[in-house]
């Protein structure tokens, strides 16, 4: 399970979640921190990443284009990096299901 953390999530999540998602990265690490959503989408699709984001635009892209890539949409308002980490850790099994189920394209966490 490889997550691509969008610019609206902390780059620190890569290290903090490396035990669960060791091949993950952040858009800033790969030079996409200023890229538009479509460019990030295309990169994730070509490199087998699941996009982790707080941005509703990826839900819209998913509706228009289908998947892959798949999306984890975190719909919690202002929250800390620790809270995001906790959400993703507590839903590890759901994220595995998303990865393995060809009928699922998005997980939404509140």
N, C-alpha and C. Protein backbone atom coordinates (compact mmCIF):
# COMPACT_ATOMS: atom_id res chain seq x y z
N UNK A 1 0.85 -1.17 0.00
CA UNK A 1 0.00 0.00 0.00
C UNK A 1 0.89 1.23 0.00
N UNK A 2 0.82 1.96 -1.07
CA UNK A 2 1.62 3.16 -1.23
C UNK A 2 0.69 4.37 -1.22
N UNK A 3 0.92 5.26 -0.27
CA UNK A 3 0.12 6.48 -0.21
C UNK A 3 0.93 7.64 -0.76
N UNK A 4 0.26 8.49 -1.49
CA UNK A 4 0.84 9.74 -1.95
C UNK A 4 0.10 10.85 -1.20
N UNK A 5 0.80 11.47 -0.25
CA UNK A 5 0.20 12.50 0.56
C UNK A 5 0.17 13.81 -0.21
N UNK A 6 -1.01 14.39 -0.30
CA UNK A 6 -1.21 15.65 -1.00
C UNK A 6 -0.61 16.81 -0.21
N UNK A 7 -0.48 17.95 -0.88
CA UNK A 7 0.16 19.12 -0.26
C UNK A 7 -0.56 19.61 1.00
N UNK A 8 -1.84 19.30 1.15
CA UNK A 8 -2.58 19.78 2.32
C UNK A 8 -2.40 18.88 3.54
N UNK A 9 -1.57 17.85 3.43
CA UNK A 9 -1.21 16.99 4.55
C UNK A 9 0.29 17.13 4.80
N UNK A 10 0.68 16.95 6.04
CA UNK A 10 2.07 17.16 6.42
C UNK A 10 3.01 16.12 5.80
N UNK A 11 4.17 16.55 5.31
CA UNK A 11 5.18 15.61 4.83
C UNK A 11 5.68 14.67 5.94
N UNK A 12 5.51 15.08 7.19
CA UNK A 12 5.95 14.23 8.31
C UNK A 12 5.18 12.93 8.39
N UNK A 13 4.02 12.87 7.77
CA UNK A 13 3.22 11.64 7.78
C UNK A 13 3.96 10.47 7.11
N UNK A 14 4.80 10.78 6.15
CA UNK A 14 5.55 9.72 5.46
C UNK A 14 6.36 8.92 6.47
N UNK A 15 7.14 9.60 7.30
CA UNK A 15 7.96 8.91 8.30
C UNK A 15 7.11 8.34 9.43
N UNK A 16 6.12 9.09 9.84
CA UNK A 16 5.30 8.65 10.98
C UNK A 16 4.49 7.40 10.67
N UNK A 17 4.21 7.17 9.39
CA UNK A 17 3.42 6.00 9.00
C UNK A 17 4.24 4.97 8.20
N UNK A 18 5.55 5.12 8.22
CA UNK A 18 6.42 4.24 7.44
C UNK A 18 6.30 2.77 7.84
N UNK A 19 5.93 2.50 9.07
CA UNK A 19 5.77 1.11 9.50
C UNK A 19 4.57 0.44 8.83
N UNK A 20 3.54 1.21 8.49
CA UNK A 20 2.35 0.66 7.85
C UNK A 20 2.37 0.82 6.33
N UNK A 21 2.91 1.94 5.88
CA UNK A 21 2.89 2.28 4.46
C UNK A 21 4.31 2.68 4.02
N UNK A 22 5.22 1.71 3.97
CA UNK A 22 6.65 2.02 3.80
C UNK A 22 7.04 2.62 2.45
N UNK A 23 6.24 2.46 1.43
CA UNK A 23 6.59 2.99 0.12
C UNK A 23 5.91 4.33 -0.18
N UNK A 24 5.34 4.93 0.83
CA UNK A 24 4.61 6.18 0.65
C UNK A 24 5.56 7.35 0.47
N UNK A 25 5.00 8.43 -0.07
CA UNK A 25 5.77 9.66 -0.24
C UNK A 25 4.81 10.85 -0.18
N UNK A 26 5.39 12.01 -0.23
CA UNK A 26 4.62 13.26 -0.20
C UNK A 26 4.87 13.99 -1.52
N UNK A 27 3.89 14.74 -1.98
CA UNK A 27 4.04 15.45 -3.25
C UNK A 27 5.26 16.37 -3.26
N UNK A 28 5.61 16.94 -2.12
CA UNK A 28 6.77 17.84 -2.07
C UNK A 28 8.08 17.08 -2.28
N UNK A 29 8.13 15.84 -1.88
CA UNK A 29 9.34 15.03 -2.02
C UNK A 29 9.63 14.72 -3.49
N UNK A 30 8.58 14.61 -4.27
CA UNK A 30 8.75 14.26 -5.68
C UNK A 30 8.58 15.46 -6.61
N UNK A 31 8.61 16.66 -6.03
CA UNK A 31 8.56 17.88 -6.82
C UNK A 31 7.19 18.26 -7.35
N UNK A 32 6.14 17.75 -6.73
CA UNK A 32 4.78 18.05 -7.19
C UNK A 32 4.01 18.94 -6.22
N UNK A 33 4.70 19.60 -5.30
CA UNK A 33 4.00 20.40 -4.30
C UNK A 33 3.27 21.60 -4.91
N UNK A 34 3.68 22.05 -6.08
CA UNK A 34 2.99 23.16 -6.75
C UNK A 34 2.17 22.68 -7.95
N UNK A 35 2.12 21.38 -8.16
CA UNK A 35 1.43 20.82 -9.32
C UNK A 35 -0.08 20.89 -9.13
N UNK A 36 -0.78 20.94 -10.25
CA UNK A 36 -2.24 20.93 -10.18
C UNK A 36 -2.72 19.51 -9.88
N UNK A 37 -4.00 19.41 -9.53
CA UNK A 37 -4.57 18.13 -9.13
C UNK A 37 -4.46 17.07 -10.23
N UNK A 38 -4.65 17.47 -11.46
CA UNK A 38 -4.58 16.51 -12.58
C UNK A 38 -3.18 15.90 -12.70
N UNK A 39 -2.16 16.72 -12.50
CA UNK A 39 -0.78 16.22 -12.58
C UNK A 39 -0.50 15.23 -11.45
N UNK A 40 -0.95 15.55 -10.26
CA UNK A 40 -0.79 14.63 -9.12
C UNK A 40 -1.58 13.35 -9.40
N UNK A 41 -2.78 13.47 -9.91
CA UNK A 41 -3.62 12.32 -10.26
C UNK A 41 -2.88 11.40 -11.24
N UNK A 42 -2.33 12.00 -12.29
CA UNK A 42 -1.63 11.22 -13.32
C UNK A 42 -0.41 10.52 -12.73
N UNK A 43 0.33 11.22 -11.88
CA UNK A 43 1.51 10.61 -11.26
C UNK A 43 1.09 9.42 -10.39
N UNK A 44 0.05 9.60 -9.60
CA UNK A 44 -0.42 8.52 -8.73
C UNK A 44 -0.87 7.31 -9.55
N UNK A 45 -1.57 7.57 -10.62
CA UNK A 45 -2.04 6.47 -11.48
C UNK A 45 -0.86 5.72 -12.11
N UNK A 46 0.11 6.44 -12.61
CA UNK A 46 1.26 5.81 -13.28
C UNK A 46 2.17 5.06 -12.32
N UNK A 47 2.18 5.45 -11.04
CA UNK A 47 3.11 4.86 -10.07
C UNK A 47 2.41 4.06 -8.98
N UNK A 48 1.14 3.73 -9.20
CA UNK A 48 0.37 2.86 -8.29
C UNK A 48 0.27 3.38 -6.86
N UNK A 49 0.00 4.67 -6.72
CA UNK A 49 -0.22 5.27 -5.41
C UNK A 49 -1.71 5.44 -5.16
N UNK A 50 -2.07 5.43 -3.89
CA UNK A 50 -3.38 5.89 -3.43
C UNK A 50 -3.16 7.33 -2.96
N UNK A 51 -3.97 8.24 -3.43
CA UNK A 51 -3.85 9.63 -3.02
C UNK A 51 -4.53 9.82 -1.67
N UNK A 52 -3.80 10.36 -0.70
CA UNK A 52 -4.37 10.73 0.61
C UNK A 52 -4.45 12.26 0.62
N UNK A 53 -5.65 12.78 0.87
CA UNK A 53 -5.87 14.21 0.71
C UNK A 53 -6.99 14.72 1.60
N UNK A 54 -7.05 16.03 1.74
CA UNK A 54 -8.19 16.69 2.35
C UNK A 54 -8.95 17.49 1.29
N UNK A 55 -8.55 17.34 0.04
CA UNK A 55 -9.05 18.12 -1.08
C UNK A 55 -10.22 17.41 -1.77
N UNK A 56 -11.36 18.06 -1.86
CA UNK A 56 -12.54 17.47 -2.50
C UNK A 56 -12.38 17.30 -4.00
N UNK A 57 -11.43 18.00 -4.60
CA UNK A 57 -11.25 17.91 -6.05
C UNK A 57 -10.92 16.49 -6.51
N UNK A 58 -10.24 15.72 -5.68
CA UNK A 58 -9.89 14.36 -6.07
C UNK A 58 -11.13 13.46 -6.11
N UNK A 59 -12.09 13.74 -5.27
CA UNK A 59 -13.36 13.03 -5.33
C UNK A 59 -14.03 13.31 -6.67
N UNK A 60 -14.00 14.56 -7.10
CA UNK A 60 -14.59 14.94 -8.37
C UNK A 60 -13.86 14.27 -9.54
N UNK A 61 -12.53 14.24 -9.48
CA UNK A 61 -11.76 13.56 -10.53
C UNK A 61 -12.11 12.07 -10.58
N UNK A 62 -12.26 11.49 -9.42
CA UNK A 62 -12.62 10.07 -9.35
C UNK A 62 -13.97 9.83 -10.01
N UNK A 63 -14.93 10.72 -9.76
CA UNK A 63 -16.26 10.59 -10.35
C UNK A 63 -16.21 10.74 -11.88
N UNK A 64 -15.34 11.61 -12.36
CA UNK A 64 -15.24 11.86 -13.80
C UNK A 64 -14.42 10.80 -14.53
N UNK A 65 -13.33 10.37 -13.91
CA UNK A 65 -12.36 9.53 -14.60
C UNK A 65 -12.32 8.08 -14.14
N UNK A 66 -12.96 7.80 -13.01
CA UNK A 66 -12.86 6.46 -12.45
C UNK A 66 -11.52 6.26 -11.77
N UNK A 67 -11.21 5.04 -11.47
CA UNK A 67 -9.94 4.76 -10.80
C UNK A 67 -9.26 3.59 -11.49
N UNK A 68 -7.97 3.45 -11.36
CA UNK A 68 -7.04 4.13 -10.46
C UNK A 68 -6.74 5.55 -10.91
N UNK A 69 -6.14 6.34 -10.02
CA UNK A 69 -5.76 6.00 -8.67
C UNK A 69 -6.97 6.01 -7.74
N UNK A 70 -6.80 5.37 -6.63
CA UNK A 70 -7.81 5.39 -5.59
C UNK A 70 -7.50 6.55 -4.65
N UNK A 71 -8.49 6.91 -3.83
CA UNK A 71 -8.37 8.12 -3.02
C UNK A 71 -8.79 7.84 -1.58
N UNK A 72 -8.03 8.38 -0.66
CA UNK A 72 -8.43 8.47 0.75
C UNK A 72 -8.71 9.94 0.99
N UNK A 73 -9.97 10.26 1.24
CA UNK A 73 -10.40 11.64 1.42
C UNK A 73 -10.67 11.86 2.91
N UNK A 74 -9.86 12.69 3.52
CA UNK A 74 -10.00 13.00 4.94
C UNK A 74 -10.80 14.29 5.05
N UNK A 75 -12.01 14.16 5.57
CA UNK A 75 -12.93 15.29 5.59
C UNK A 75 -13.05 15.93 6.97
N UNK A 76 -12.05 15.79 7.76
CA UNK A 76 -12.03 16.43 9.06
C UNK A 76 -11.49 17.84 8.87
N UNK A 77 -12.07 18.81 9.54
CA UNK A 77 -11.61 20.20 9.42
C UNK A 77 -10.20 20.35 9.93
N UNK A 78 -9.91 21.49 10.49
CA UNK A 78 -8.58 21.72 11.02
C UNK A 78 -8.25 20.67 12.07
N UNK A 79 -7.16 19.98 11.85
CA UNK A 79 -6.74 18.96 12.80
C UNK A 79 -5.22 18.79 12.69
N UNK A 80 -4.68 18.19 13.69
CA UNK A 80 -3.22 18.06 13.76
C UNK A 80 -2.74 16.88 12.92
N UNK A 81 -1.46 16.88 12.67
CA UNK A 81 -0.81 15.75 11.99
C UNK A 81 -1.00 14.48 12.80
N UNK A 82 -0.95 14.59 14.11
CA UNK A 82 -1.17 13.42 14.97
C UNK A 82 -2.56 12.84 14.79
N UNK A 83 -3.55 13.71 14.62
CA UNK A 83 -4.92 13.23 14.40
C UNK A 83 -5.03 12.52 13.05
N UNK A 84 -4.40 13.06 12.02
CA UNK A 84 -4.41 12.42 10.71
C UNK A 84 -3.73 11.06 10.81
N UNK A 85 -2.60 11.03 11.47
CA UNK A 85 -1.89 9.75 11.67
C UNK A 85 -2.79 8.74 12.37
N UNK A 86 -3.46 9.18 13.41
CA UNK A 86 -4.35 8.29 14.16
C UNK A 86 -5.49 7.76 13.29
N UNK A 87 -6.06 8.62 12.49
CA UNK A 87 -7.14 8.21 11.59
C UNK A 87 -6.64 7.11 10.65
N UNK A 88 -5.50 7.35 10.03
CA UNK A 88 -4.98 6.38 9.06
C UNK A 88 -4.57 5.07 9.74
N UNK A 89 -3.97 5.17 10.92
CA UNK A 89 -3.60 3.95 11.65
C UNK A 89 -4.84 3.14 12.04
N UNK A 90 -5.85 3.82 12.50
CA UNK A 90 -7.05 3.10 12.97
C UNK A 90 -7.84 2.49 11.82
N UNK A 91 -7.56 2.94 10.60
CA UNK A 91 -8.27 2.41 9.43
C UNK A 91 -7.35 1.61 8.50
N UNK A 92 -6.28 1.07 9.06
CA UNK A 92 -5.35 0.30 8.24
C UNK A 92 -6.07 -0.83 7.49
N UNK A 93 -6.94 -1.56 8.17
CA UNK A 93 -7.66 -2.67 7.53
C UNK A 93 -8.55 -2.16 6.39
N UNK A 94 -9.20 -1.03 6.59
CA UNK A 94 -10.04 -0.45 5.54
C UNK A 94 -9.20 -0.04 4.32
N UNK A 95 -8.01 0.49 4.59
CA UNK A 95 -7.13 0.90 3.51
C UNK A 95 -6.64 -0.34 2.74
N UNK A 96 -6.38 -1.42 3.45
CA UNK A 96 -6.00 -2.67 2.77
C UNK A 96 -7.16 -3.15 1.88
N UNK A 97 -8.37 -3.05 2.39
CA UNK A 97 -9.54 -3.44 1.60
C UNK A 97 -9.65 -2.57 0.35
N UNK A 98 -9.47 -1.27 0.51
CA UNK A 98 -9.49 -0.36 -0.63
C UNK A 98 -8.46 -0.79 -1.67
N UNK A 99 -7.27 -1.12 -1.21
CA UNK A 99 -6.19 -1.53 -2.11
C UNK A 99 -6.56 -2.78 -2.89
N UNK A 100 -7.18 -3.73 -2.23
CA UNK A 100 -7.40 -5.05 -2.83
C UNK A 100 -8.74 -5.21 -3.54
N UNK A 101 -9.70 -4.35 -3.27
CA UNK A 101 -11.05 -4.50 -3.84
C UNK A 101 -11.16 -3.70 -5.14
N UNK A 102 -11.35 -4.40 -6.23
CA UNK A 102 -11.42 -3.74 -7.54
C UNK A 102 -12.68 -2.90 -7.73
N UNK A 103 -13.64 -3.03 -6.82
CA UNK A 103 -14.89 -2.26 -6.92
C UNK A 103 -14.87 -0.97 -6.10
N UNK A 104 -13.87 -0.82 -5.23
CA UNK A 104 -13.79 0.38 -4.39
C UNK A 104 -12.78 1.36 -4.95
N UNK A 105 -13.16 2.65 -4.93
CA UNK A 105 -12.26 3.68 -5.44
C UNK A 105 -11.93 4.76 -4.44
N UNK A 106 -12.71 4.85 -3.36
CA UNK A 106 -12.49 5.93 -2.40
C UNK A 106 -12.88 5.50 -1.01
N UNK A 107 -12.13 5.98 -0.04
CA UNK A 107 -12.49 5.89 1.37
C UNK A 107 -12.60 7.31 1.89
N UNK A 108 -13.64 7.58 2.65
CA UNK A 108 -13.83 8.91 3.21
C UNK A 108 -13.82 8.77 4.72
N UNK A 109 -12.95 9.54 5.36
CA UNK A 109 -12.84 9.53 6.82
C UNK A 109 -13.20 10.89 7.36
N UNK A 110 -13.98 10.87 8.45
CA UNK A 110 -14.41 12.12 9.11
C UNK A 110 -13.74 12.28 10.44
